Amino acid sequence: MELRAIAAAKQVLGREIIIQSDADFTPPGKRKVRVVRHQLNGRRAEAHLRWYVAGKAFRSLPLTNSNVALSNSWKGSAACVSESQLELL
């Protein structure tokens, strides 16, 4: 399937496009981090971090100092697609 998609893109564009696997296409301002607690069987669970992208839950992490730092860097790294993320051959 992937090879057919690459061949079709080559035919339409006349060249191959390589997108880095770690490329970030999230627009600025669409990432949110919240501290949440959920009830499990009537008991309050421990607080944890939940990442949201465009209003939809993306990932949950335990509430630790390292995860708070990771969440802040994740939230700040949302950016528009730049030339460094797309490489045209």
PDB file of N, CA and C in Angstrom:
ATOM      1  N   MET A   1       0.828  -1.194   0.000  1.00  0.00           N
ATOM      2  CA  MET A   1       0.000   0.000   0.000  1.00  0.00           C
ATOM      3  C   MET A   1       0.873   1.259   0.000  1.00  0.00           C
ATOM      4  N   GLU A   2       1.884   1.262   0.873  1.00  0.00           N
ATOM      5  CA  GLU A   2       2.744   2.438   0.990  1.00  0.00           C
ATOM      6  C   GLU A   2       3.521   2.685  -0.304  1.00  0.00           C
ATOM      7  N   LEU A   3       3.978   1.608  -0.938  1.00  0.00           N
ATOM      8  CA  LEU A   3       4.734   1.763  -2.178  1.00  0.00           C
ATOM      9  C   LEU A   3       3.857   2.307  -3.299  1.00  0.00           C
ATOM     10  N   ARG A   4       2.588   1.909  -3.313  1.00  0.00           N
ATOM     11  CA  ARG A   4       1.672   2.442  -4.327  1.00  0.00           C
ATOM     12  C   ARG A   4       1.436   3.931  -4.111  1.00  0.00           C
ATOM     13  N   ALA A   5       1.332   4.347  -2.854  1.00  0.00           N
ATOM     14  CA  ALA A   5       1.129   5.767  -2.558  1.00  0.00           C
ATOM     15  C   ALA A   5       2.343   6.586  -2.986  1.00  0.00           C
ATOM     16  N   ILE A   6       3.533   6.057  -2.743  1.00  0.00           N
ATOM     17  CA  ILE A   6       4.756   6.753  -3.148  1.00  0.00           C
ATOM     18  C   ILE A   6       4.826   6.851  -4.668  1.00  0.00           C
ATOM     19  N   ALA A   7       4.488   5.757  -5.356  1.00  0.00           N
ATOM     20  CA  ALA A   7       4.513   5.765  -6.819  1.00  0.00           C
ATOM     21  C   ALA A   7       3.494   6.754  -7.383  1.00  0.00           C
ATOM     22  N   ALA A   8       2.310   6.813  -6.773  1.00  0.00           N
ATOM     23  CA  ALA A   8       1.286   7.755  -7.230  1.00  0.00           C
ATOM     24  C   ALA A   8       1.738   9.194  -7.022  1.00  0.00           C
ATOM     25  N   ALA A   9       2.369   9.477  -5.888  1.00  0.00           N
ATOM     26  CA  ALA A   9       2.864  10.831  -5.623  1.00  0.00           C
ATOM     27  C   ALA A   9       3.952  11.216  -6.621  1.00  0.00           C
ATOM     28  N   LYS A  10       4.828  10.262  -6.942  1.00  0.00           N
ATOM     29  CA  LYS A  10       5.878  10.539  -7.927  1.00  0.00           C
ATOM     30  C   LYS A  10       5.277  10.859  -9.288  1.00  0.00           C
ATOM     31  N   GLN A  11       4.224  10.116  -9.638  1.00  0.00           N
ATOM     32  CA  GLN A  11       3.597  10.330 -10.940  1.00  0.00           C
ATOM     33  C   GLN A  11       2.926  11.700 -11.008  1.00  0.00           C
ATOM     34  N   VAL A  12       2.256  12.101  -9.934  1.00  0.00           N
ATOM     35  CA  VAL A  12       1.545  13.378  -9.924  1.00  0.00           C
ATOM     36  C   VAL A  12       2.513  14.548  -9.804  1.00  0.00           C
ATOM     37  N   LEU A  13       3.460  14.445  -8.880  1.00  0.00           N
ATOM     38  CA  LEU A  13       4.356  15.567  -8.599  1.00  0.00           C
ATOM     39  C   LEU A  13       5.630  15.551  -9.434  1.00  0.00           C
ATOM     40  N   GLY A  14       5.974  14.404  -9.952  1.00  0.00           N
ATOM     41  CA  GLY A  14       7.202  14.299 -10.717  1.00  0.00           C
ATOM     42  C   GLY A  14       8.431  14.095  -9.859  1.00  0.00           C
ATOM     43  N   ARG A  15       8.264  14.024  -8.568  1.00  0.00           N
ATOM     44  CA  ARG A  15       9.383  13.789  -7.652  1.00  0.00           C
ATOM     45  C   ARG A  15       8.857  13.196  -6.352  1.00  0.00           C
ATOM     46  N   GLU A  16       9.761  12.652  -5.570  1.00  0.00           N
ATOM     47  CA  GLU A  16       9.402  12.024  -4.306  1.00  0.00           C
ATOM     48  C   GLU A  16       9.471  13.047  -3.182  1.00  0.00           C
ATOM     49  N   ILE A  17       8.515  12.985  -2.265  1.00  0.00           N
ATOM     50  CA  ILE A  17       8.510  13.854  -1.093  1.00  0.00           C
ATOM     51  C   ILE A  17       8.789  12.997   0.131  1.00  0.00           C
ATOM     52  N   ILE A  18       9.747  13.416   0.933  1.00  0.00           N
ATOM     53  CA  ILE A  18      10.076  12.696   2.162  1.00  0.00           C
ATOM     54  C   ILE A  18       9.676  13.569   3.338  1.00  0.00           C
ATOM     55  N   ILE A  19       8.855  13.024   4.221  1.00  0.00           N
ATOM     56  CA  ILE A  19       8.442  13.722   5.435  1.00  0.00           C
ATOM     57  C   ILE A  19       9.097  13.015   6.610  1.00  0.00           C
ATOM     58  N   GLN A  20       9.851  13.740   7.399  1.00  0.00           N
ATOM     59  CA  GLN A  20      10.515  13.145   8.552  1.00  0.00           C
ATOM     60  C   GLN A  20       9.480  12.544   9.490  1.00  0.00           C
ATOM     61  N   SER A  21       9.839  11.411  10.101  1.00  0.00           N
ATOM     62  CA  SER A  21       8.879  10.721  10.968  1.00  0.00           C
ATOM     63  C   SER A  21       8.560  11.514  12.225  1.00  0.00           C
ATOM     64  N   ASP A  22       9.449  12.394  12.640  1.00  0.00           N
ATOM     65  CA  ASP A  22       9.184  13.187  13.838  1.00  0.00           C
ATOM     66  C   ASP A  22       8.652  14.582  13.491  1.00  0.00           C
ATOM     67  N   ALA A  23       8.250  14.771  12.241  1.00  0.00           N
ATOM     68  CA  ALA A  23       7.704  16.062  11.829  1.00  0.00           C
ATOM     69  C   ALA A  23       6.417  16.351  12.591  1.00  0.00           C
ATOM     70  N   ASP A  24       6.230  17.600  12.956  1.00  0.00           N
ATOM     71  CA  ASP A  24       5.077  18.009  13.756  1.00  0.00           C
ATOM     72  C   ASP A  24       4.194  18.928  12.932  1.00  0.00           C
ATOM     73  N   PHE A  25       2.946  18.522  12.727  1.00  0.00           N
ATOM     74  CA  PHE A  25       2.023  19.309  11.926  1.00  0.00           C
ATOM     75  C   PHE A  25       0.936  19.968  12.765  1.00  0.00           C
ATOM     76  N   THR A  26       1.077  19.986  14.084  1.00  0.00           N
ATOM     77  CA  THR A  26       0.074  20.589  14.953  1.00  0.00           C
ATOM     78  C   THR A  26       0.179  22.110  14.883  1.00  0.00           C
ATOM     79  N   PRO A  27      -0.912  22.804  14.560  1.00  0.00           N
ATOM     80  CA  PRO A  27      -0.859  24.267  14.522  1.00  0.00           C
ATOM     81  C   PRO A  27      -0.632  24.847  15.918  1.00  0.00           C
ATOM     82  N   PRO A  28       0.029  26.007  16.008  1.00  0.00           N
ATOM     83  CA  PRO A  28       0.235  26.636  17.310  1.00  0.00           C
ATOM     84  C   PRO A  28      -1.097  26.909  18.008  1.00  0.00           C
ATOM     85  N   GLY A  29      -1.133  26.701  19.324  1.00  0.00           N
ATOM     86  CA  GLY A  29      -2.328  26.976  20.112  1.00  0.00           C
ATOM     87  C   GLY A  29      -3.310  25.830  20.199  1.00  0.00           C
ATOM     88  N   LYS A  30      -3.042  24.713  19.539  1.00  0.00           N
ATOM     89  CA  LYS A  30      -3.974  23.583  19.547  1.00  0.00           C
ATOM     90  C   LYS A  30      -3.621  22.534  20.597  1.00  0.00           C
ATOM     91  N   ARG A  31      -2.493  22.685  21.262  1.00  0.00           N
ATOM     92  CA  ARG A  31      -2.090  21.724  22.288  1.00  0.00           C
ATOM     93  C   ARG A  31      -2.398  22.274  23.665  1.00  0.00           C
ATOM     94  N   LYS A  32      -3.008  21.455  24.506  1.00  0.00           N
ATOM     95  CA  LYS A  32      -3.324  21.830  25.883  1.00  0.00           C
ATOM     96  C   LYS A  32      -2.883  20.707  26.813  1.00  0.00           C
ATOM     97  N   VAL A  33      -2.506  21.082  28.027  1.00  0.00           N
ATOM     98  CA  VAL A  33      -2.170  20.109  29.068  1.00  0.00           C
ATOM     99  C   VAL A  33      -3.010  20.445  30.281  1.00  0.00           C
ATOM    100  N   ARG A  34      -3.662  19.442  30.853  1.00  0.00           N
ATOM    101  CA  ARG A  34      -4.492  19.652  32.040  1.00  0.00           C
ATOM    102  C   ARG A  34      -4.157  18.615  33.094  1.00  0.00           C
ATOM    103  N   VAL A  35      -4.315  19.016  34.348  1.00  0.00           N
ATOM    104  CA  VAL A  35      -4.215  18.073  35.462  1.00  0.00           C
ATOM    105  C   VAL A  35      -5.628  17.581  35.729  1.00  0.00           C
ATOM    106  N   VAL A  36      -5.822  16.272  35.639  1.00  0.00           N
ATOM    107  CA  VAL A  36      -7.167  15.707  35.782  1.00  0.00           C
ATOM    108  C   VAL A  36      -7.176  14.606  36.834  1.00  0.00           C
ATOM    109  N   ARG A  37      -8.359  14.373  37.391  1.00  0.00           N
ATOM    110  CA  ARG A  37      -8.622  13.254  38.303  1.00  0.00           C
ATOM    111  C   ARG A  37      -9.908  12.596  37.842  1.00  0.00           C
ATOM    112  N   HIS A  38      -9.924  11.299  37.844  1.00  0.00           N
ATOM    113  CA  HIS A  38     -11.128  10.572  37.470  1.00  0.00           C
ATOM    114  C   HIS A  38     -11.532   9.670  38.619  1.00  0.00           C
ATOM    115  N   GLN A  39     -12.804   9.402  38.707  1.00  0.00           N
ATOM    116  CA  GLN A  39     -13.291   8.504  39.743  1.00  0.00           C
ATOM    117  C   GLN A  39     -13.333   7.090  39.200  1.00  0.00           C
ATOM    118  N   LEU A  40     -12.753   6.171  39.953  1.00  0.00           N
ATOM    119  CA  LEU A  40     -12.784   4.765  39.608  1.00  0.00           C
ATOM    120  C   LEU A  40     -13.528   4.024  40.708  1.00  0.00           C
ATOM    121  N   ASN A  41     -14.653   3.448  40.384  1.00  0.00           N
ATOM    122  CA  ASN A  41     -15.474   2.711  41.354  1.00  0.00           C
ATOM    123  C   ASN A  41     -15.821   3.568  42.563  1.00  0.00           C
ATOM    124  N   GLY A  42     -16.131   4.839  42.331  1.00  0.00           N
ATOM    125  CA  GLY A  42     -16.530   5.726  43.411  1.00  0.00           C
ATOM    126  C   GLY A  42     -15.382   6.328  44.191  1.00  0.00           C
ATOM    127  N   ARG A  43     -14.159   5.951  43.882  1.00  0.00           N
ATOM    128  CA  ARG A  43     -12.986   6.497  44.583  1.00  0.00           C
ATOM    129  C   ARG A  43     -12.258   7.467  43.663  1.00  0.00           C
ATOM    130  N   ARG A  44     -11.711   8.492  44.264  1.00  0.00           N
ATOM    131  CA  ARG A  44     -10.937   9.453  43.467  1.00  0.00           C
ATOM    132  C   ARG A  44      -9.559   8.879  43.169  1.00  0.00           C
ATOM    133  N   ALA A  45      -9.205   8.903  41.928  1.00  0.00           N
ATOM    134  CA  ALA A  45      -7.882   8.433  41.521  1.00  0.00           C
ATOM    135  C   ALA A  45      -6.868   9.557  41.715  1.00  0.00           C
ATOM    136  N   GLU A  46      -5.600   9.196  41.636  1.00  0.00           N
ATOM    137  CA  GLU A  46      -4.546  10.203  41.754  1.00  0.00           C
ATOM    138  C   GLU A  46      -4.568  11.120  40.531  1.00  0.00           C
ATOM    139  N   ALA A  47      -4.091  12.325  40.745  1.00  0.00           N
ATOM    140  CA  ALA A  47      -4.040  13.297  39.646  1.00  0.00           C
ATOM    141  C   ALA A  47      -3.011  12.853  38.611  1.00  0.00           C
ATOM    142  N   HIS A  48      -3.303  13.113  37.360  1.00  0.00           N
ATOM    143  CA  HIS A  48      -2.355  12.847  36.291  1.00  0.00           C
ATOM    144  C   HIS A  48      -2.502  13.916  35.208  1.00  0.00           C
ATOM    145  N   LEU A  49      -1.522  13.974  34.343  1.00  0.00           N
ATOM    146  CA  LEU A  49      -1.522  14.951  33.252  1.00  0.00           C
ATOM    147  C   LEU A  49      -2.203  14.342  32.039  1.00  0.00           C
ATOM    148  N   ARG A  50      -3.033  15.121  31.392  1.00  0.00           N
ATOM    149  CA  ARG A  50      -3.657  14.665  30.149  1.00  0.00           C
ATOM    150  C   ARG A  50      -3.345  15.677  29.068  1.00  0.00           C
ATOM    151  N   TRP A  51      -2.838  15.169  27.955  1.00  0.00           N
ATOM    152  CA  TRP A  51      -2.531  16.012  26.806  1.00  0.00           C
ATOM    153  C   TRP A  51      -3.727  16.015  25.866  1.00  0.00           C
ATOM    154  N   TYR A  52      -4.062  17.204  25.361  1.00  0.00           N
ATOM    155  CA  TYR A  52      -5.155  17.362  24.405  1.00  0.00           C
ATOM    156  C   TYR A  52      -4.622  18.021  23.140  1.00  0.00           C
ATOM    157  N   VAL A  53      -5.053  17.529  21.998  1.00  0.00           N
ATOM    158  CA  VAL A  53      -4.736  18.145  20.710  1.00  0.00           C
ATOM    159  C   VAL A  53      -6.058  18.481  20.043  1.00  0.00           C
ATOM    160  N   ALA A  54      -6.272  19.768  19.807  1.00  0.00           N
ATOM    161  CA  ALA A  54      -7.505  20.260  19.182  1.00  0.00           C
ATOM    162  C   ALA A  54      -8.739  19.767  19.930  1.00  0.00           C
ATOM    163  N   GLY A  55      -8.661  19.735  21.267  1.00  0.00           N
ATOM    164  CA  GLY A  55      -9.804  19.379  22.097  1.00  0.00           C
ATOM    165  C   GLY A  55     -10.012  17.899  22.327  1.00  0.00           C
ATOM    166  N   LYS A  56      -9.189  17.039  21.733  1.00  0.00           N
ATOM    167  CA  LYS A  56      -9.344  15.596  21.905  1.00  0.00           C
ATOM    168  C   LYS A  56      -8.190  15.052  22.733  1.00  0.00           C
ATOM    169  N   ALA A  57      -8.512  14.142  23.662  1.00  0.00           N
ATOM    170  CA  ALA A  57      -7.487  13.556  24.525  1.00  0.00           C
ATOM    171  C   ALA A  57      -6.471  12.810  23.668  1.00  0.00           C
ATOM    172  N   PHE A  58      -5.199  13.064  23.934  1.00  0.00           N
ATOM    173  CA  PHE A  58      -4.123  12.463  23.151  1.00  0.00           C
ATOM    174  C   PHE A  58      -3.333  11.465  23.983  1.00  0.00           C
ATOM    175  N   ARG A  59      -2.954  11.837  25.213  1.00  0.00           N
ATOM    176  CA  ARG A  59      -2.126  10.968  26.046  1.00  0.00           C
ATOM    177  C   ARG A  59      -2.303  11.340  27.504  1.00  0.00           C
ATOM    178  N   SER A  60      -2.155  10.361  28.405  1.00  0.00           N
ATOM    179  CA  SER A  60      -2.187  10.607  29.848  1.00  0.00           C
ATOM    180  C   SER A  60      -0.870  10.151  30.451  1.00  0.00           C
ATOM    181  N   LEU A  61      -0.360  10.945  31.382  1.00  0.00           N
ATOM    182  CA  LEU A  61       0.910  10.648  32.044  1.00  0.00           C
ATOM    183  C   LEU A  61       0.762  10.840  33.544  1.00  0.00           C
ATOM    184  N   PRO A  62       1.519  10.091  34.346  1.00  0.00           N
ATOM    185  CA  PRO A  62       1.506  10.335  35.794  1.00  0.00           C
ATOM    186  C   PRO A  62       2.013  11.744  36.099  1.00  0.00           C
ATOM    187  N   LEU A  63       1.546  12.315  37.192  1.00  0.00           N
ATOM    188  CA  LEU A  63       1.938  13.672  37.573  1.00  0.00           C
ATOM    189  C   LEU A  63       3.272  13.619  38.310  1.00  0.00           C
ATOM    190  N   THR A  64       4.360  13.865  37.567  1.00  0.00           N
ATOM    191  CA  THR A  64       5.707  13.922  38.130  1.00  0.00           C
ATOM    192  C   THR A  64       6.395  15.175  37.599  1.00  0.00           C
ATOM    193  N   ASN A  65       7.489  15.566  38.255  1.00  0.00           N
ATOM    194  CA  ASN A  65       8.224  16.757  37.804  1.00  0.00           C
ATOM    195  C   ASN A  65       8.740  16.595  36.379  1.00  0.00           C
ATOM    196  N   SER A  66       9.274  15.422  36.060  1.00  0.00           N
ATOM    197  CA  SER A  66       9.810  15.216  34.711  1.00  0.00           C
ATOM    198  C   SER A  66       8.702  15.243  33.661  1.00  0.00           C
ATOM    199  N   ASN A  67       7.517  14.711  33.998  1.00  0.00           N
ATOM    200  CA  ASN A  67       6.405  14.745  33.045  1.00  0.00           C
ATOM    201  C   ASN A  67       5.838  16.150  32.874  1.00  0.00           C
ATOM    202  N   VAL A  68       5.907  16.969  33.924  1.00  0.00           N
ATOM    203  CA  VAL A  68       5.478  18.368  33.801  1.00  0.00           C
ATOM    204  C   VAL A  68       6.418  19.106  32.843  1.00  0.00           C
ATOM    205  N   ALA A  69       7.731  18.878  32.990  1.00  0.00           N
ATOM    206  CA  ALA A  69       8.697  19.508  32.088  1.00  0.00           C
ATOM    207  C   ALA A  69       8.504  19.014  30.655  1.00  0.00           C
ATOM    208  N   LEU A  70       8.278  17.711  30.505  1.00  0.00           N
ATOM    209  CA  LEU A  70       8.033  17.144  29.183  1.00  0.00           C
ATOM    210  C   LEU A  70       6.770  17.732  28.560  1.00  0.00           C
ATOM    211  N   SER A  71       5.727  17.890  29.368  1.00  0.00           N
ATOM    212  CA  SER A  71       4.465  18.450  28.876  1.00  0.00           C
ATOM    213  C   SER A  71       4.632  19.896  28.436  1.00  0.00           C
ATOM    214  N   ASN A  72       5.402  20.668  29.196  1.00  0.00           N
ATOM    215  CA  ASN A  72       5.637  22.068  28.820  1.00  0.00           C
ATOM    216  C   ASN A  72       6.404  22.169  27.505  1.00  0.00           C
ATOM    217  N   SER A  73       7.407  21.312  27.321  1.00  0.00           N
ATOM    218  CA  SER A  73       8.155  21.354  26.065  1.00  0.00           C
ATOM    219  C   SER A  73       7.294  20.852  24.905  1.00  0.00           C
ATOM    220  N   TRP A  74       6.433  19.845  25.167  1.00  0.00           N
ATOM    221  CA  TRP A  74       5.529  19.336  24.127  1.00  0.00           C
ATOM    222  C   TRP A  74       4.540  20.414  23.697  1.00  0.00           C
ATOM    223  N   LYS A  75       3.996  21.127  24.685  1.00  0.00           N
ATOM    224  CA  LYS A  75       3.021  22.173  24.390  1.00  0.00           C
ATOM    225  C   LYS A  75       3.663  23.306  23.590  1.00  0.00           C
ATOM    226  N   GLY A  76       4.899  23.630  23.906  1.00  0.00           N
ATOM    227  CA  GLY A  76       5.582  24.722  23.226  1.00  0.00           C
ATOM    228  C   GLY A  76       6.154  24.356  21.874  1.00  0.00           C
ATOM    229  N   SER A  77       6.213  23.054  21.568  1.00  0.00           N
ATOM    230  CA  SER A  77       6.837  22.653  20.309  1.00  0.00           C
ATOM    231  C   SER A  77       5.877  22.604  19.136  1.00  0.00           C
ATOM    232  N   ALA A  78       4.603  22.892  19.352  1.00  0.00           N
ATOM    233  CA  ALA A  78       3.642  22.909  18.240  1.00  0.00           C
ATOM    234  C   ALA A  78       4.026  24.036  17.291  1.00  0.00           C
ATOM    235  N   ALA A  79       4.112  23.717  16.029  1.00  0.00           N
ATOM    236  CA  ALA A  79       4.541  24.735  15.069  1.00  0.00           C
ATOM    237  C   ALA A  79       3.987  24.416  13.696  1.00  0.00           C
ATOM    238  N   CYS A  80       4.049  25.396  12.842  1.00  0.00           N
ATOM    239  CA  CYS A  80       3.650  25.188  11.453  1.00  0.00           C
ATOM    240  C   CYS A  80       4.720  24.353  10.752  1.00  0.00           C
ATOM    241  N   VAL A  81       4.338  23.730   9.666  1.00  0.00           N
ATOM    242  CA  VAL A  81       5.289  22.941   8.898  1.00  0.00           C
ATOM    243  C   VAL A  81       6.336  23.881   8.326  1.00  0.00           C
ATOM    244  N   SER A  82       7.583  23.556   8.566  1.00  0.00           N
ATOM    245  CA  SER A  82       8.661  24.403   8.053  1.00  0.00           C
ATOM    246  C   SER A  82       9.417  23.662   6.959  1.00  0.00           C
ATOM    247  N   GLU A  83      10.283  24.371   6.294  1.00  0.00           N
ATOM    248  CA  GLU A  83      11.073  23.758   5.233  1.00  0.00           C
ATOM    249  C   GLU A  83      11.994  22.683   5.777  1.00  0.00           C
ATOM    250  N   SER A  84      12.384  22.784   7.056  1.00  0.00           N
ATOM    251  CA  SER A  84      13.251  21.762   7.621  1.00  0.00           C
ATOM    252  C   SER A  84      12.506  20.457   7.837  1.00  0.00           C
ATOM    253  N   GLN A  85      11.175  20.511   7.925  1.00  0.00           N
ATOM    254  CA  GLN A  85      10.398  19.300   8.134  1.00  0.00           C
ATOM    255  C   GLN A  85      10.006  18.631   6.824  1.00  0.00           C
ATOM    256  N   LEU A  86       9.961  19.360   5.745  1.00  0.00           N
ATOM    257  CA  LEU A  86       9.662  18.788   4.434  1.00  0.00           C
ATOM    258  C   LEU A  86      10.903  18.900   3.570  1.00  0.00           C
ATOM    259  N   GLU A  87      11.287  17.800   3.007  1.00  0.00           N
ATOM    260  CA  GLU A  87      12.459  17.814   2.141  1.00  0.00           C
ATOM    261  C   GLU A  87      12.025  17.326   0.769  1.00  0.00           C
ATOM    262  N   LEU A  88      12.162  18.164  -0.211  1.00  0.00           N
ATOM    263  CA  LEU A  88      11.796  17.792  -1.577  1.00  0.00           C
ATOM    264  C   LEU A  88      13.022  17.272  -2.300  1.00  0.00           C
ATOM    265  N   LEU A  89      12.852  16.148  -2.958  1.00  0.00           N
ATOM    266  CA  LEU A  89      13.962  15.595  -3.746  1.00  0.00           C
ATOM    267  C   LEU A  89      13.767  15.924  -5.201  1.00  0.00           C
TER     268      LEU A  89
END
